[in-house]
Amino acid sequence: MISIKVCGLTRPEDIQAVNRFAPDYVGFVFAPSRRHVSPETAKNLVRGLAEGILPVGVFVNEVPQRVAFIAAMCGLKVIQLHGNEDSAYQEEIKRLTGREVWKAVRVKDKESLREVMEGCADRYLLDAYHPSQQGGCGQTFDWSLLEGILSQKIMLAGGLMPENVAQAVQLVRPYGVDVSSGVETDGYKDPEKIKEFIRIVRGESQ
């Protein structure tokens, strides 16, 4: 079964939507972003999550002790790193938090996947390369570059939406898929798009 993560939740309405359709993970962005939430807001949103939906915290080059503080405060189950955090930093986060660590990799070419094969993260979130953004640019990348990569370490991201996720899953066979802008309308999470995305990934009938 492919795991599903809906990222960039910011409002109580988003929590209501994911509780209805039950993705495996939901993401809260603590780095600068239009989807940024404060630790206090995230804590309150996490409290409203249905049992079984795991909260993920998204950070970019944050001080490890602050990551650990926010993880404990908000009850995060996974730490997702989107900056230049090296293996030593990742190991420090694991030691401080006891949580899984996912490392985002911006895929530009085959060489950019070296970290996936050699790194120490529990999983790798593969997103499209953008010269000025650390992630969340809403663009796909060449999925054929992933041939030969251990798929069970991959959370596939980057431009996924209800219209293309079936093809992505078929080609890559990842551990999971991550969606944010692909289930939004006018910059906000759209419950119907979330429902359709999850239905397609899980192969459920309409």
N, C-alpha and C. Protein backbone atom coordinates (compact mmCIF):
# COMPACT_ATOMS: atom_id res chain seq x y z
N MET A 1 0.84 -1.19 0.00
CA MET A 1 0.00 0.00 0.00
C MET A 1 0.88 1.25 0.00
N ILE A 2 0.64 2.15 -0.93
CA ILE A 2 1.38 3.40 -1.02
C ILE A 2 0.95 4.34 0.10
N SER A 3 1.91 4.88 0.84
CA SER A 3 1.60 5.87 1.87
C SER A 3 1.33 7.22 1.22
N ILE A 4 0.50 8.02 1.88
CA ILE A 4 0.10 9.32 1.35
C ILE A 4 0.35 10.39 2.39
N LYS A 5 0.99 11.47 1.96
CA LYS A 5 1.21 12.63 2.83
C LYS A 5 0.61 13.86 2.17
N VAL A 6 -0.22 14.56 2.92
CA VAL A 6 -0.75 15.85 2.48
C VAL A 6 -0.01 16.92 3.28
N CYS A 7 0.73 17.77 2.58
CA CYS A 7 1.61 18.72 3.26
C CYS A 7 1.06 20.14 3.21
N GLY A 8 1.53 20.95 4.15
CA GLY A 8 1.19 22.36 4.15
C GLY A 8 -0.15 22.70 4.75
N LEU A 9 -0.56 21.96 5.79
CA LEU A 9 -1.82 22.27 6.46
C LEU A 9 -1.65 23.51 7.33
N THR A 10 -2.67 24.38 7.29
CA THR A 10 -2.57 25.64 8.03
C THR A 10 -3.82 25.99 8.82
N ARG A 11 -4.95 25.33 8.55
CA ARG A 11 -6.23 25.77 9.11
C ARG A 11 -7.00 24.60 9.73
N PRO A 12 -7.89 24.88 10.66
CA PRO A 12 -8.75 23.82 11.19
C PRO A 12 -9.55 23.11 10.10
N GLU A 13 -9.93 23.85 9.04
CA GLU A 13 -10.66 23.22 7.94
C GLU A 13 -9.82 22.14 7.25
N ASP A 14 -8.51 22.36 7.19
CA ASP A 14 -7.61 21.35 6.61
C ASP A 14 -7.62 20.08 7.45
N ILE A 15 -7.63 20.25 8.75
CA ILE A 15 -7.67 19.09 9.66
C ILE A 15 -8.97 18.32 9.47
N GLN A 16 -10.07 19.03 9.34
CA GLN A 16 -11.35 18.36 9.11
C GLN A 16 -11.32 17.54 7.83
N ALA A 17 -10.70 18.09 6.79
CA ALA A 17 -10.64 17.39 5.50
C ALA A 17 -9.80 16.12 5.60
N VAL A 18 -8.60 16.23 6.19
CA VAL A 18 -7.75 15.03 6.25
C VAL A 18 -8.35 13.98 7.19
N ASN A 19 -9.04 14.42 8.23
CA ASN A 19 -9.70 13.45 9.11
C ASN A 19 -10.76 12.66 8.35
N ARG A 20 -11.42 13.29 7.40
CA ARG A 20 -12.45 12.60 6.60
C ARG A 20 -11.83 11.56 5.68
N PHE A 21 -10.68 11.88 5.09
CA PHE A 21 -10.15 11.03 4.02
C PHE A 21 -8.90 10.26 4.40
N ALA A 22 -8.35 10.52 5.57
CA ALA A 22 -7.35 9.68 6.24
C ALA A 22 -6.09 9.37 5.43
N PRO A 23 -5.30 10.40 5.07
CA PRO A 23 -3.95 10.11 4.58
C PRO A 23 -3.12 9.53 5.71
N ASP A 24 -1.97 8.98 5.39
CA ASP A 24 -1.11 8.38 6.41
C ASP A 24 -0.33 9.45 7.19
N TYR A 25 0.04 10.51 6.49
CA TYR A 25 0.84 11.58 7.09
C TYR A 25 0.26 12.93 6.68
N VAL A 26 0.48 13.93 7.53
CA VAL A 26 0.21 15.32 7.16
C VAL A 26 1.40 16.17 7.57
N GLY A 27 1.66 17.23 6.79
CA GLY A 27 2.85 18.03 7.03
C GLY A 27 2.54 19.44 7.49
N PHE A 28 3.38 19.93 8.41
CA PHE A 28 3.29 21.29 8.91
C PHE A 28 4.63 21.97 8.66
N VAL A 29 4.59 23.12 7.99
CA VAL A 29 5.81 23.79 7.54
C VAL A 29 6.22 24.86 8.56
N PHE A 30 7.39 24.66 9.14
CA PHE A 30 7.91 25.60 10.12
C PHE A 30 8.96 26.53 9.52
N ALA A 31 9.31 26.32 8.26
CA ALA A 31 10.26 27.17 7.56
C ALA A 31 9.50 28.31 6.86
N PRO A 32 10.20 29.37 6.45
CA PRO A 32 9.55 30.46 5.72
C PRO A 32 8.84 29.93 4.46
N SER A 33 7.57 30.22 4.34
CA SER A 33 6.75 29.70 3.26
C SER A 33 5.38 30.34 3.37
N ARG A 34 4.64 30.37 2.27
CA ARG A 34 3.26 30.87 2.38
C ARG A 34 2.40 29.91 3.19
N ARG A 35 2.90 28.69 3.42
CA ARG A 35 2.18 27.71 4.22
C ARG A 35 2.76 27.59 5.63
N HIS A 36 3.60 28.54 6.01
CA HIS A 36 4.23 28.50 7.33
C HIS A 36 3.19 28.54 8.44
N VAL A 37 3.44 27.74 9.49
CA VAL A 37 2.64 27.82 10.70
C VAL A 37 3.58 27.97 11.90
N SER A 38 3.11 28.64 12.91
CA SER A 38 3.88 28.75 14.15
C SER A 38 3.78 27.44 14.91
N PRO A 39 4.73 27.18 15.81
CA PRO A 39 4.61 25.98 16.65
C PRO A 39 3.30 25.94 17.43
N GLU A 40 2.83 27.09 17.91
CA GLU A 40 1.59 27.12 18.69
C GLU A 40 0.40 26.71 17.82
N THR A 41 0.36 27.24 16.58
CA THR A 41 -0.73 26.87 15.67
C THR A 41 -0.66 25.39 15.32
N ALA A 42 0.54 24.90 15.02
CA ALA A 42 0.70 23.49 14.67
C ALA A 42 0.28 22.58 15.82
N LYS A 43 0.65 22.96 17.03
CA LYS A 43 0.27 22.16 18.20
C LYS A 43 -1.24 22.00 18.29
N ASN A 44 -1.95 23.09 18.08
CA ASN A 44 -3.41 23.03 18.15
C ASN A 44 -4.01 22.23 17.00
N LEU A 45 -3.41 22.34 15.81
CA LEU A 45 -3.90 21.57 14.67
C LEU A 45 -3.65 20.07 14.87
N VAL A 46 -2.46 19.74 15.36
CA VAL A 46 -2.12 18.33 15.59
C VAL A 46 -3.08 17.70 16.60
N ARG A 47 -3.45 18.47 17.60
CA ARG A 47 -4.40 17.96 18.61
C ARG A 47 -5.71 17.50 17.98
N GLY A 48 -6.08 18.11 16.86
CA GLY A 48 -7.34 17.76 16.22
C GLY A 48 -7.27 16.61 15.24
N LEU A 49 -6.06 16.07 15.01
CA LEU A 49 -5.91 14.98 14.04
C LEU A 49 -6.56 13.69 14.53
N ALA A 50 -7.18 12.98 13.61
CA ALA A 50 -7.73 11.66 13.92
C ALA A 50 -6.59 10.69 14.21
N GLU A 51 -6.88 9.71 15.04
CA GLU A 51 -5.88 8.69 15.39
C GLU A 51 -5.40 7.99 14.13
N GLY A 52 -4.09 7.78 14.04
CA GLY A 52 -3.53 7.07 12.91
C GLY A 52 -2.94 7.96 11.83
N ILE A 53 -3.25 9.26 11.88
CA ILE A 53 -2.64 10.21 10.93
C ILE A 53 -1.42 10.82 11.61
N LEU A 54 -0.24 10.64 11.01
CA LEU A 54 1.00 11.02 11.67
C LEU A 54 1.47 12.40 11.23
N PRO A 55 1.75 13.31 12.18
CA PRO A 55 2.20 14.65 11.84
C PRO A 55 3.70 14.71 11.54
N VAL A 56 4.02 15.42 10.47
CA VAL A 56 5.40 15.59 10.01
C VAL A 56 5.74 17.08 10.09
N GLY A 57 6.92 17.39 10.63
CA GLY A 57 7.37 18.77 10.68
C GLY A 57 8.40 19.05 9.61
N VAL A 58 8.22 20.12 8.86
CA VAL A 58 9.11 20.49 7.76
C VAL A 58 10.00 21.66 8.20
N PHE A 59 11.32 21.46 8.12
CA PHE A 59 12.29 22.45 8.57
C PHE A 59 13.35 22.70 7.50
N VAL A 60 13.92 23.89 7.52
CA VAL A 60 15.01 24.24 6.61
C VAL A 60 16.15 24.86 7.40
N ASN A 61 17.26 24.13 7.51
CA ASN A 61 18.48 24.64 8.15
C ASN A 61 18.22 25.23 9.53
N GLU A 62 17.36 24.56 10.28
CA GLU A 62 16.99 25.05 11.62
C GLU A 62 18.00 24.54 12.65
N VAL A 63 18.16 25.29 13.73
CA VAL A 63 19.02 24.85 14.83
C VAL A 63 18.46 23.54 15.40
N PRO A 64 19.29 22.49 15.53
CA PRO A 64 18.78 21.19 15.96
C PRO A 64 17.98 21.23 17.25
N GLN A 65 18.44 22.03 18.21
CA GLN A 65 17.73 22.08 19.49
C GLN A 65 16.33 22.66 19.32
N ARG A 66 16.16 23.59 18.40
CA ARG A 66 14.83 24.14 18.17
C ARG A 66 13.94 23.12 17.47
N VAL A 67 14.51 22.34 16.55
CA VAL A 67 13.74 21.26 15.92
C VAL A 67 13.24 20.30 16.99
N ALA A 68 14.11 19.94 17.91
CA ALA A 68 13.73 19.01 18.97
C ALA A 68 12.65 19.60 19.87
N PHE A 69 12.77 20.89 20.17
CA PHE A 69 11.77 21.56 21.01
C PHE A 69 10.40 21.55 20.33
N ILE A 70 10.36 21.90 19.05
CA ILE A 70 9.09 21.94 18.31
C ILE A 70 8.52 20.54 18.15
N ALA A 71 9.39 19.56 17.90
CA ALA A 71 8.92 18.18 17.75
C ALA A 71 8.22 17.70 19.02
N ALA A 72 8.81 18.01 20.18
CA ALA A 72 8.21 17.61 21.45
C ALA A 72 6.94 18.39 21.73
N MET A 73 6.96 19.68 21.47
CA MET A 73 5.82 20.54 21.73
C MET A 73 4.60 20.14 20.91
N CYS A 74 4.83 19.81 19.65
CA CYS A 74 3.73 19.55 18.72
C CYS A 74 3.41 18.06 18.55
N GLY A 75 4.20 17.20 19.16
CA GLY A 75 3.95 15.77 19.00
C GLY A 75 4.25 15.25 17.61
N LEU A 76 5.29 15.81 16.98
CA LEU A 76 5.65 15.36 15.62
C LEU A 76 6.18 13.94 15.65
N LYS A 77 5.88 13.19 14.60
CA LYS A 77 6.35 11.81 14.49
C LYS A 77 7.49 11.65 13.49
N VAL A 78 7.60 12.61 12.57
CA VAL A 78 8.65 12.58 11.55
C VAL A 78 9.20 13.99 11.40
N ILE A 79 10.53 14.08 11.21
CA ILE A 79 11.19 15.35 10.93
C ILE A 79 11.63 15.34 9.47
N GLN A 80 11.16 16.32 8.70
CA GLN A 80 11.47 16.40 7.27
C GLN A 80 12.37 17.61 7.06
N LEU A 81 13.55 17.38 6.47
CA LEU A 81 14.57 18.42 6.32
C LEU A 81 14.69 18.85 4.87
N HIS A 82 14.59 20.14 4.62
CA HIS A 82 14.56 20.64 3.24
C HIS A 82 15.73 21.55 2.90
N GLY A 83 16.72 21.64 3.77
CA GLY A 83 17.83 22.55 3.51
C GLY A 83 19.11 21.82 3.14
N ASN A 84 20.22 22.31 3.72
CA ASN A 84 21.55 21.74 3.43
C ASN A 84 22.03 20.86 4.58
N GLU A 85 21.10 20.21 5.25
CA GLU A 85 21.44 19.42 6.44
C GLU A 85 22.21 18.15 6.04
N ASP A 86 23.45 18.05 6.51
CA ASP A 86 24.28 16.90 6.14
C ASP A 86 24.00 15.70 7.06
N SER A 87 24.75 14.63 6.84
CA SER A 87 24.51 13.39 7.59
C SER A 87 24.71 13.59 9.09
N ALA A 88 25.72 14.38 9.46
CA ALA A 88 25.97 14.63 10.89
C ALA A 88 24.77 15.35 11.52
N TYR A 89 24.22 16.31 10.80
CA TYR A 89 23.04 17.03 11.30
C TYR A 89 21.87 16.06 11.44
N GLN A 90 21.67 15.22 10.44
CA GLN A 90 20.55 14.26 10.48
C GLN A 90 20.68 13.31 11.67
N GLU A 91 21.88 12.84 11.92
CA GLU A 91 22.10 11.95 13.06
C GLU A 91 21.85 12.67 14.38
N GLU A 92 22.22 13.95 14.43
CA GLU A 92 21.97 14.75 15.64
C GLU A 92 20.47 14.89 15.88
N ILE A 93 19.69 15.11 14.82
CA ILE A 93 18.24 15.22 14.94
C ILE A 93 17.65 13.89 15.44
N LYS A 94 18.13 12.80 14.89
CA LYS A 94 17.65 11.49 15.36
C LYS A 94 17.95 11.31 16.85
N ARG A 95 19.15 11.71 17.27
CA ARG A 95 19.55 11.55 18.67
C ARG A 95 18.70 12.43 19.58
N LEU A 96 18.47 13.66 19.16
CA LEU A 96 17.74 14.60 20.00
C LEU A 96 16.24 14.31 20.07
N THR A 97 15.68 13.78 19.00
CA THR A 97 14.22 13.64 18.93
C THR A 97 13.73 12.21 19.02
N GLY A 98 14.55 11.24 18.60
CA GLY A 98 14.08 9.86 18.53
C GLY A 98 13.07 9.63 17.42
N ARG A 99 12.95 10.58 16.50
CA ARG A 99 11.98 10.49 15.41
C ARG A 99 12.64 10.02 14.11
N GLU A 100 11.81 9.55 13.18
CA GLU A 100 12.29 9.31 11.82
C GLU A 100 12.73 10.63 11.21
N VAL A 101 13.76 10.56 10.36
CA VAL A 101 14.22 11.74 9.63
C VAL A 101 14.09 11.48 8.14
N TRP A 102 13.36 12.38 7.47
CA TRP A 102 13.25 12.36 6.01
C TRP A 102 14.04 13.54 5.47
N LYS A 103 14.82 13.29 4.43
CA LYS A 103 15.62 14.36 3.82
C LYS A 103 15.11 14.64 2.42
N ALA A 104 14.80 15.88 2.15
CA ALA A 104 14.35 16.28 0.82
C ALA A 104 15.55 16.41 -0.11
N VAL A 105 15.39 15.91 -1.31
CA VAL A 105 16.42 16.02 -2.35
C VAL A 105 15.77 16.65 -3.58
N ARG A 106 16.36 17.72 -4.06
CA ARG A 106 15.86 18.37 -5.26
C ARG A 106 16.51 17.72 -6.48
N VAL A 107 15.73 17.05 -7.26
CA VAL A 107 16.25 16.21 -8.34
C VAL A 107 16.45 17.02 -9.61
N LYS A 108 17.71 17.13 -10.00
CA LYS A 108 18.06 17.85 -11.23
C LYS A 108 18.56 16.87 -12.29
N ASP A 109 19.33 15.88 -11.84
CA ASP A 109 19.91 14.88 -12.73
C ASP A 109 20.25 13.64 -11.90
N LYS A 110 20.84 12.64 -12.53
CA LYS A 110 21.16 11.39 -11.83
C LYS A 110 22.13 11.63 -10.67
N GLU A 111 23.07 12.55 -10.86
CA GLU A 111 24.06 12.83 -9.83
C GLU A 111 23.41 13.34 -8.55
N SER A 112 22.31 14.07 -8.68
CA SER A 112 21.65 14.62 -7.49
C SER A 112 21.00 13.54 -6.65
N LEU A 113 20.94 12.31 -7.18
CA LEU A 113 20.35 11.20 -6.42
C LEU A 113 21.38 10.41 -5.62
N ARG A 114 22.63 10.83 -5.69
CA ARG A 114 23.69 10.11 -4.97
C ARG A 114 23.38 10.03 -3.48
N GLU A 115 22.84 11.11 -2.92
CA GLU A 115 22.52 11.14 -1.49
C GLU A 115 21.53 10.07 -1.11
N VAL A 116 20.59 9.77 -2.00
CA VAL A 116 19.58 8.75 -1.71
C VAL A 116 20.23 7.39 -1.55
N MET A 117 21.26 7.14 -2.31
CA MET A 117 21.93 5.84 -2.28
C MET A 117 22.96 5.74 -1.16
N GLU A 118 23.47 6.89 -0.68
CA GLU A 118 24.59 6.85 0.27
C GLU A 118 24.27 7.46 1.63
N GLY A 119 23.15 8.17 1.75
CA GLY A 119 22.86 8.92 2.97
C GLY A 119 22.29 8.08 4.10
N CYS A 120 22.06 8.75 5.24
CA CYS A 120 21.63 8.04 6.45
C CYS A 120 20.18 8.33 6.83
N ALA A 121 19.46 9.11 6.04
CA ALA A 121 18.07 9.42 6.38
C ALA A 121 17.21 8.17 6.28
N ASP A 122 16.11 8.16 7.02
CA ASP A 122 15.20 7.02 6.97
C ASP A 122 14.49 6.94 5.63
N ARG A 123 14.12 8.09 5.10
CA ARG A 123 13.51 8.16 3.76
C ARG A 123 13.95 9.45 3.10
N TYR A 124 13.76 9.48 1.78
CA TYR A 124 14.12 10.67 1.00
C TYR A 124 12.90 11.17 0.24
N LEU A 125 12.59 12.45 0.45
CA LEU A 125 11.49 13.07 -0.25
C LEU A 125 12.07 13.72 -1.51
N LEU A 126 11.69 13.19 -2.66
CA LEU A 126 12.27 13.65 -3.92
C LEU A 126 11.35 14.68 -4.56
N ASP A 127 11.90 15.88 -4.74
CA ASP A 127 11.15 17.01 -5.28
C ASP A 127 11.89 17.52 -6.51
N ALA A 128 11.20 18.34 -7.30
CA ALA A 128 11.83 18.92 -8.48
C ALA A 128 12.83 19.99 -8.08
N TYR A 129 13.92 20.07 -8.82
CA TYR A 129 14.92 21.11 -8.58
C TYR A 129 14.38 22.47 -8.99
N HIS A 130 14.62 23.44 -8.14
CA HIS A 130 14.31 24.83 -8.47
C HIS A 130 15.49 25.67 -7.99
N PRO A 131 16.00 26.59 -8.83
CA PRO A 131 17.22 27.32 -8.46
C PRO A 131 17.10 28.20 -7.22
N SER A 132 15.88 28.62 -6.87
CA SER A 132 15.75 29.55 -5.76
C SER A 132 14.81 29.09 -4.66
N GLN A 133 14.15 27.93 -4.84
CA GLN A 133 13.23 27.44 -3.82
C GLN A 133 13.72 26.11 -3.27
N GLN A 134 13.53 25.92 -1.95
CA GLN A 134 13.94 24.68 -1.30
C GLN A 134 12.93 23.56 -1.51
N GLY A 135 11.77 23.88 -2.01
CA GLY A 135 10.74 22.86 -2.24
C GLY A 135 9.40 23.51 -2.45
N GLY A 136 8.42 22.69 -2.76
CA GLY A 136 7.07 23.21 -2.90
C GLY A 136 6.86 24.07 -4.13
N CYS A 137 7.63 23.81 -5.21
CA CYS A 137 7.48 24.64 -6.40
C CYS A 137 6.38 24.12 -7.33
N GLY A 138 5.81 22.95 -7.03
CA GLY A 138 4.69 22.46 -7.80
C GLY A 138 5.04 21.94 -9.18
N GLN A 139 6.32 21.58 -9.39
CA GLN A 139 6.76 21.08 -10.69
C GLN A 139 7.17 19.61 -10.58
N THR A 140 6.91 18.85 -11.63
CA THR A 140 7.38 17.47 -11.67
C THR A 140 8.82 17.43 -12.16
N PHE A 141 9.45 16.25 -12.04
CA PHE A 141 10.77 16.04 -12.62
C PHE A 141 10.74 14.74 -13.41
N ASP A 142 11.85 14.41 -14.03
CA ASP A 142 11.91 13.21 -14.88
C ASP A 142 11.95 11.96 -14.00
N TRP A 143 10.81 11.31 -13.86
CA TRP A 143 10.74 10.15 -12.96
C TRP A 143 11.61 8.98 -13.44
N SER A 144 11.97 8.95 -14.71
CA SER A 144 12.81 7.85 -15.21
C SER A 144 14.20 7.89 -14.58
N LEU A 145 14.60 9.03 -14.01
CA LEU A 145 15.90 9.12 -13.33
C LEU A 145 15.96 8.20 -12.12
N LEU A 146 14.80 7.78 -11.62
CA LEU A 146 14.76 6.98 -10.39
C LEU A 146 14.96 5.49 -10.64
N GLU A 147 15.13 5.10 -11.89
CA GLU A 147 15.37 3.69 -12.18
C GLU A 147 16.61 3.20 -11.43
N GLY A 148 16.48 2.11 -10.71
CA GLY A 148 17.59 1.55 -9.95
C GLY A 148 17.71 2.08 -8.54
N ILE A 149 16.89 3.05 -8.16
CA ILE A 149 16.89 3.60 -6.80
C ILE A 149 15.96 2.76 -5.94
N LEU A 150 16.38 2.49 -4.70
CA LEU A 150 15.57 1.69 -3.78
C LEU A 150 14.25 2.41 -3.50
N SER A 151 13.18 1.95 -4.11
CA SER A 151 11.93 2.70 -4.09
C SER A 151 11.32 2.81 -2.70
N GLN A 152 11.59 1.85 -1.82
CA GLN A 152 10.98 1.89 -0.50
C GLN A 152 11.58 2.97 0.41
N LYS A 153 12.60 3.66 -0.06
CA LYS A 153 13.14 4.79 0.68
C LYS A 153 12.60 6.12 0.15
N ILE A 154 11.74 6.05 -0.88
CA ILE A 154 11.34 7.27 -1.58
C ILE A 154 9.94 7.73 -1.20
N MET A 155 9.84 9.01 -0.82
CA MET A 155 8.57 9.73 -0.81
C MET A 155 8.61 10.61 -2.05
N LEU A 156 7.76 10.33 -3.00
CA LEU A 156 7.77 11.06 -4.26
C LEU A 156 6.94 12.33 -4.14
N ALA A 157 7.53 13.46 -4.49
CA ALA A 157 6.85 14.75 -4.43
C ALA A 157 7.08 15.49 -5.74
N GLY A 158 6.66 16.74 -5.79
CA GLY A 158 6.93 17.56 -6.94
C GLY A 158 5.86 17.52 -8.01
N GLY A 159 4.90 18.42 -7.90
CA GLY A 159 3.90 18.55 -8.95
C GLY A 159 2.87 17.46 -9.04
N LEU A 160 2.76 16.64 -8.01
CA LEU A 160 1.75 15.57 -8.03
C LEU A 160 0.36 16.16 -7.83
N MET A 161 -0.61 15.55 -8.49
CA MET A 161 -2.01 15.99 -8.42
C MET A 161 -2.88 14.81 -8.83
N PRO A 162 -4.20 14.92 -8.67
CA PRO A 162 -5.05 13.79 -9.05
C PRO A 162 -4.86 13.35 -10.50
N GLU A 163 -4.51 14.29 -11.37
CA GLU A 163 -4.40 13.97 -12.79
C GLU A 163 -3.17 13.15 -13.16
N ASN A 164 -2.10 13.18 -12.34
CA ASN A 164 -0.87 12.47 -12.74
C ASN A 164 -0.36 11.47 -11.71
N VAL A 165 -1.00 11.39 -10.54
CA VAL A 165 -0.42 10.55 -9.48
C VAL A 165 -0.48 9.06 -9.81
N ALA A 166 -1.49 8.62 -10.56
CA ALA A 166 -1.56 7.20 -10.92
C ALA A 166 -0.36 6.81 -11.78
N GLN A 167 0.00 7.66 -12.74
CA GLN A 167 1.15 7.38 -13.58
C GLN A 167 2.43 7.38 -12.76
N ALA A 168 2.55 8.34 -11.85
CA ALA A 168 3.75 8.42 -11.01
C ALA A 168 3.93 7.16 -10.17
N VAL A 169 2.86 6.71 -9.56
CA VAL A 169 2.93 5.51 -8.72
C VAL A 169 3.29 4.28 -9.55
N GLN A 170 2.72 4.19 -10.72
CA GLN A 170 2.98 3.04 -11.59
C GLN A 170 4.45 2.99 -12.03
N LEU A 171 5.03 4.14 -12.34
CA LEU A 171 6.40 4.19 -12.83
C LEU A 171 7.43 4.03 -11.72
N VAL A 172 7.20 4.67 -10.57
CA VAL A 172 8.22 4.75 -9.53
C VAL A 172 8.05 3.69 -8.45
N ARG A 173 6.81 3.32 -8.15
CA ARG A 173 6.51 2.39 -7.05
C ARG A 173 7.17 2.85 -5.75
N PRO A 174 6.92 4.09 -5.33
CA PRO A 174 7.59 4.60 -4.14
C PRO A 174 6.96 4.08 -2.85
N TYR A 175 7.65 4.36 -1.74
CA TYR A 175 7.05 4.09 -0.44
C TYR A 175 5.79 4.94 -0.27
N GLY A 176 5.90 6.19 -0.73
CA GLY A 176 4.76 7.08 -0.55
C GLY A 176 4.79 8.24 -1.52
N VAL A 177 3.70 8.99 -1.52
CA VAL A 177 3.59 10.20 -2.34
C VAL A 177 3.23 11.37 -1.44
N ASP A 178 3.73 12.54 -1.82
CA ASP A 178 3.55 13.76 -1.04
C ASP A 178 2.90 14.81 -1.93
N VAL A 179 1.83 15.42 -1.44
CA VAL A 179 1.12 16.41 -2.25
C VAL A 179 0.84 17.65 -1.41
N SER A 180 0.92 18.82 -2.06
CA SER A 180 0.55 20.06 -1.38
C SER A 180 -0.26 20.93 -2.34
N SER A 181 0.41 21.63 -3.24
CA SER A 181 -0.32 22.52 -4.15
C SER A 181 -1.27 21.77 -5.07
N GLY A 182 -0.98 20.49 -5.33
CA GLY A 182 -1.82 19.69 -6.22
C GLY A 182 -3.20 19.39 -5.68
N VAL A 183 -3.43 19.67 -4.40
CA VAL A 183 -4.78 19.50 -3.83
C VAL A 183 -5.28 20.83 -3.25
N GLU A 184 -4.86 21.92 -3.89
CA GLU A 184 -5.29 23.24 -3.46
C GLU A 184 -6.12 23.93 -4.55
N THR A 185 -6.97 24.82 -4.12
CA THR A 185 -7.70 25.73 -5.00
C THR A 185 -7.54 27.13 -4.42
N ASP A 186 -7.03 28.04 -5.24
CA ASP A 186 -6.79 29.42 -4.80
C ASP A 186 -5.91 29.48 -3.55
N GLY A 187 -4.94 28.57 -3.48
CA GLY A 187 -3.97 28.61 -2.40
C GLY A 187 -4.38 27.95 -1.11
N TYR A 188 -5.55 27.31 -1.09
CA TYR A 188 -6.01 26.63 0.12
C TYR A 188 -6.36 25.17 -0.19
N LYS A 189 -6.17 24.32 0.80
CA LYS A 189 -6.48 22.92 0.62
C LYS A 189 -7.95 22.74 0.25
N ASP A 190 -8.18 21.91 -0.77
CA ASP A 190 -9.52 21.66 -1.32
C ASP A 190 -9.94 20.25 -0.94
N PRO A 191 -10.94 20.09 -0.09
CA PRO A 191 -11.33 18.74 0.37
C PRO A 191 -11.65 17.79 -0.77
N GLU A 192 -12.27 18.27 -1.83
CA GLU A 192 -12.62 17.37 -2.94
C GLU A 192 -11.38 16.89 -3.67
N LYS A 193 -10.38 17.75 -3.80
CA LYS A 193 -9.13 17.33 -4.45
C LYS A 193 -8.36 16.36 -3.56
N ILE A 194 -8.38 16.60 -2.26
CA ILE A 194 -7.75 15.65 -1.34
C ILE A 194 -8.43 14.28 -1.45
N LYS A 195 -9.73 14.30 -1.45
CA LYS A 195 -10.51 13.05 -1.57
C LYS A 195 -10.15 12.31 -2.85
N GLU A 196 -10.09 13.03 -3.98
CA GLU A 196 -9.82 12.40 -5.26
C GLU A 196 -8.39 11.88 -5.33
N PHE A 197 -7.44 12.65 -4.83
CA PHE A 197 -6.03 12.23 -4.82
C PHE A 197 -5.87 10.92 -4.06
N ILE A 198 -6.44 10.87 -2.87
CA ILE A 198 -6.33 9.67 -2.03
C ILE A 198 -7.06 8.49 -2.67
N ARG A 199 -8.20 8.75 -3.24
CA ARG A 199 -8.96 7.67 -3.89
C ARG A 199 -8.14 7.04 -5.02
N ILE A 200 -7.50 7.87 -5.83
CA ILE A 200 -6.71 7.35 -6.95
C ILE A 200 -5.50 6.56 -6.47
N VAL A 201 -4.77 7.10 -5.49
CA VAL A 201 -3.59 6.39 -5.00
C VAL A 201 -3.97 5.03 -4.41
N ARG A 202 -5.09 4.98 -3.73
CA ARG A 202 -5.50 3.73 -3.08
C ARG A 202 -6.31 2.82 -4.00
N GLY A 203 -6.54 3.26 -5.22
CA GLY A 203 -7.24 2.42 -6.19
C GLY A 203 -8.68 2.15 -5.83
N GLU A 204 -9.31 3.12 -5.16
CA GLU A 204 -10.69 2.94 -4.75
C GLU A 204 -11.64 3.41 -5.84
N SER A 205 -12.80 2.81 -5.94
CA SER A 205 -13.79 3.23 -6.92
C SER A 205 -14.46 4.52 -6.46
N GLN A 206 -15.05 5.23 -7.38
CA GLN A 206 -15.72 6.48 -7.04
C GLN A 206 -17.01 6.24 -6.31
